[in-house]
């Protein structure tokens, strides 16, 4: 699969504004379909509540791992992980700083916020 120069920003523990189970179900469906899409984004950045999708117990870990294995960089805000006490539970992606997220955004041709 090829990669586009698109970066996706994930700022919620799921997609949309609904009850948590629906938000996470939608996130799982989105990332599953994205993993089969061509081209793939170059990076997915997680910050604020979005970091919760990358830690132990998240219902989307398997599909995020699949995306990472296909070459999508998963950048997870270390400040946010620390704020939620989740740094030790990071299960996928790399703990990066805001400079890493800004670099990904600035080098992208398109940025999509979920």
C-alpha atoms as a PDB file:
ATOM      1  CA  UNK A   1       0.000   0.000   0.000  1.00  0.00           C
ATOM      2  CA  UNK A   2       1.147   3.500  -0.665  1.00  0.00           C
ATOM      3  CA  UNK A   3       1.146   6.432   1.724  1.00  0.00           C
ATOM      4  CA  UNK A   4      -0.270   9.876   1.211  1.00  0.00           C
ATOM      5  CA  UNK A   5       1.111  12.974   2.849  1.00  0.00           C
ATOM      6  CA  UNK A   6      -1.961  13.205   5.073  1.00  0.00           C
ATOM      7  CA  UNK A   7      -1.928  13.437   8.861  1.00  0.00           C
ATOM      8  CA  UNK A   8      -4.922  12.529  11.001  1.00  0.00           C
ATOM      9  CA  UNK A   9      -5.384  14.145  14.420  1.00  0.00           C
ATOM     10  CA  UNK A  10      -7.311  12.211  17.055  1.00  0.00           C
ATOM     11  CA  UNK A  11      -8.406  14.337  19.994  1.00  0.00           C
ATOM     12  CA  UNK A  12     -11.206  12.237  21.516  1.00  0.00           C
ATOM     13  CA  UNK A  13     -11.441   8.786  23.085  1.00  0.00           C
ATOM     14  CA  UNK A  14     -13.456   7.683  20.050  1.00  0.00           C
ATOM     15  CA  UNK A  15     -15.255   9.463  17.215  1.00  0.00           C
ATOM     16  CA  UNK A  16     -17.983  12.036  17.471  1.00  0.00           C
ATOM     17  CA  UNK A  17     -20.009  13.253  20.424  1.00  0.00           C
ATOM     18  CA  UNK A  18     -22.049  10.327  21.723  1.00  0.00           C
ATOM     19  CA  UNK A  19     -21.946   7.849  24.556  1.00  0.00           C
ATOM     20  CA  UNK A  20     -18.456   6.305  24.989  1.00  0.00           C
ATOM     21  CA  UNK A  21     -19.293   2.855  23.620  1.00  0.00           C
ATOM     22  CA  UNK A  22     -20.608   4.316  20.355  1.00  0.00           C
ATOM     23  CA  UNK A  23     -17.637   6.665  20.043  1.00  0.00           C
ATOM     24  CA  UNK A  24     -15.231   3.742  20.406  1.00  0.00           C
ATOM     25  CA  UNK A  25     -17.237   1.510  18.074  1.00  0.00           C
ATOM     26  CA  UNK A  26     -17.082   4.227  15.420  1.00  0.00           C
ATOM     27  CA  UNK A  27     -13.340   4.644  15.975  1.00  0.00           C
ATOM     28  CA  UNK A  28     -12.802   0.911  15.528  1.00  0.00           C
ATOM     29  CA  UNK A  29     -14.831   0.878  12.308  1.00  0.00           C
ATOM     30  CA  UNK A  30     -13.019   3.990  10.985  1.00  0.00           C
ATOM     31  CA  UNK A  31      -9.525   2.672  11.688  1.00  0.00           C
ATOM     32  CA  UNK A  32     -10.421  -0.789  10.314  1.00  0.00           C
ATOM     33  CA  UNK A  33     -11.625   0.710   7.033  1.00  0.00           C
ATOM     34  CA  UNK A  34      -8.641   3.076   6.975  1.00  0.00           C
ATOM     35  CA  UNK A  35      -6.239   0.122   7.308  1.00  0.00           C
ATOM     36  CA  UNK A  36      -7.633  -1.241   4.012  1.00  0.00           C
ATOM     37  CA  UNK A  37      -7.522   2.143   2.275  1.00  0.00           C
ATOM     38  CA  UNK A  38      -4.934   3.047  -0.309  1.00  0.00           C
ATOM     39  CA  UNK A  39      -3.173   5.348   0.164  1.00  0.00           C
ATOM     40  CA  UNK A  40      -2.676   5.313   3.924  1.00  0.00           C
ATOM     41  CA  UNK A  41      -2.000   8.464   5.930  1.00  0.00           C
ATOM     42  CA  UNK A  42       1.632   9.159   6.767  1.00  0.00           C
ATOM     43  CA  UNK A  43       0.852   9.678  10.462  1.00  0.00           C
ATOM     44  CA  UNK A  44      -1.897   9.646  13.056  1.00  0.00           C
ATOM     45  CA  UNK A  45      -1.353  11.954  16.021  1.00  0.00           C
ATOM     46  CA  UNK A  46      -3.155  11.372  19.303  1.00  0.00           C
ATOM     47  CA  UNK A  47      -3.502  14.057  21.960  1.00  0.00           C
ATOM     48  CA  UNK A  48      -5.820  15.101  24.783  1.00  0.00           C
ATOM     49  CA  UNK A  49      -8.485  12.375  25.252  1.00  0.00           C
ATOM     50  CA  UNK A  50      -7.302  10.699  22.038  1.00  0.00           C
ATOM     51  CA  UNK A  51      -4.283   9.190  23.804  1.00  0.00           C
ATOM     52  CA  UNK A  52      -6.668   6.825  25.604  1.00  0.00           C
ATOM     53  CA  UNK A  53      -7.145   4.924  22.334  1.00  0.00           C
ATOM     54  CA  UNK A  54      -3.452   3.915  22.379  1.00  0.00           C
ATOM     55  CA  UNK A  55      -3.193   2.398  25.860  1.00  0.00           C
ATOM     56  CA  UNK A  56      -3.801  -1.026  27.374  1.00  0.00           C
ATOM     57  CA  UNK A  57      -7.475  -1.956  27.277  1.00  0.00           C
ATOM     58  CA  UNK A  58      -8.342   0.192  24.249  1.00  0.00           C
ATOM     59  CA  UNK A  59     -10.774  -1.534  21.870  1.00  0.00           C
ATOM     60  CA  UNK A  60      -8.831  -0.298  18.824  1.00  0.00           C
ATOM     61  CA  UNK A  61      -5.318  -1.523  19.677  1.00  0.00           C
ATOM     62  CA  UNK A  62      -5.306  -4.365  17.135  1.00  0.00           C
ATOM     63  CA  UNK A  63      -6.257  -2.157  14.222  1.00  0.00           C
ATOM     64  CA  UNK A  64      -3.836   0.579  15.322  1.00  0.00           C
ATOM     65  CA  UNK A  65      -1.060  -2.034  15.425  1.00  0.00           C
ATOM     66  CA  UNK A  66      -2.052  -3.120  11.907  1.00  0.00           C
ATOM     67  CA  UNK A  67      -1.787   0.478  10.693  1.00  0.00           C
ATOM     68  CA  UNK A  68       1.597   0.859  12.371  1.00  0.00           C
ATOM     69  CA  UNK A  69       2.817  -2.375  10.738  1.00  0.00           C
ATOM     70  CA  UNK A  70       1.808  -0.911   7.366  1.00  0.00           C
ATOM     71  CA  UNK A  71       4.091   2.070   7.992  1.00  0.00           C
ATOM     72  CA  UNK A  72       1.719   4.652   9.485  1.00  0.00           C
ATOM     73  CA  UNK A  73       3.501   6.614  12.222  1.00  0.00           C
ATOM     74  CA  UNK A  74       1.454   6.771  15.414  1.00  0.00           C
ATOM     75  CA  UNK A  75       2.541   9.754  17.494  1.00  0.00           C
ATOM     76  CA  UNK A  76       1.093   9.888  21.006  1.00  0.00           C
ATOM     77  CA  UNK A  77       1.393  13.061  23.099  1.00  0.00           C
ATOM     78  CA  UNK A  78       3.642  12.303  26.083  1.00  0.00           C
ATOM     79  CA  UNK A  79       2.371  15.353  27.992  1.00  0.00           C
ATOM     80  CA  UNK A  80      -1.179  14.020  27.694  1.00  0.00           C
ATOM     81  CA  UNK A  81      -0.161  10.485  28.662  1.00  0.00           C
ATOM     82  CA  UNK A  82       1.517  11.877  31.773  1.00  0.00           C
ATOM     83  CA  UNK A  83      -1.466  14.105  32.609  1.00  0.00           C
ATOM     84  CA  UNK A  84      -3.788  11.076  32.564  1.00  0.00           C
ATOM     85  CA  UNK A  85      -1.262   8.829  34.350  1.00  0.00           C
ATOM     86  CA  UNK A  86      -1.097   6.543  31.313  1.00  0.00           C
ATOM     87  CA  UNK A  87       2.555   6.687  30.218  1.00  0.00           C
ATOM     88  CA  UNK A  88       3.266   3.185  31.548  1.00  0.00           C
ATOM     89  CA  UNK A  89       0.190   1.811  29.747  1.00  0.00           C
ATOM     90  CA  UNK A  90       1.107   2.977  26.235  1.00  0.00           C
ATOM     91  CA  UNK A  91       0.563  -0.088  24.026  1.00  0.00           C
ATOM     92  CA  UNK A  92       1.001   1.211  20.473  1.00  0.00           C
ATOM     93  CA  UNK A  93       2.809   4.088  18.793  1.00  0.00           C
ATOM     94  CA  UNK A  94       5.574   6.258  20.146  1.00  0.00           C
ATOM     95  CA  UNK A  95       5.337   8.741  22.985  1.00  0.00           C
ATOM     96  CA  UNK A  96       6.262  11.985  21.302  1.00  0.00           C
ATOM     97  CA  UNK A  97       6.122  15.610  22.208  1.00  0.00           C
ATOM     98  CA  UNK A  98       4.198  18.473  20.731  1.00  0.00           C
ATOM     99  CA  UNK A  99       7.209  19.279  18.475  1.00  0.00           C
ATOM    100  CA  UNK A 100       6.750  15.840  16.856  1.00  0.00           C
ATOM    101  CA  UNK A 101       3.044  16.517  16.272  1.00  0.00           C
ATOM    102  CA  UNK A 102       3.753  19.987  14.871  1.00  0.00           C
ATOM    103  CA  UNK A 103       6.431  18.577  12.556  1.00  0.00           C
ATOM    104  CA  UNK A 104       3.986  15.979  11.228  1.00  0.00           C
ATOM    105  CA  UNK A 105       1.316  18.658  10.681  1.00  0.00           C
ATOM    106  CA  UNK A 106       3.625  21.135   8.984  1.00  0.00           C
ATOM    107  CA  UNK A 107       5.061  18.558   6.585  1.00  0.00           C
ATOM    108  CA  UNK A 108       1.595  17.259   5.630  1.00  0.00           C
ATOM    109  CA  UNK A 109      -0.272  18.301   2.524  1.00  0.00           C
ATOM    110  CA  UNK A 110      -3.564  17.669   4.327  1.00  0.00           C
ATOM    111  CA  UNK A 111      -4.493  17.465   8.011  1.00  0.00           C
ATOM    112  CA  UNK A 112      -7.756  15.816   9.101  1.00  0.00           C
ATOM    113  CA  UNK A 113      -9.066  16.232  12.649  1.00  0.00           C
ATOM    114  CA  UNK A 114     -11.434  13.575  13.946  1.00  0.00           C
END
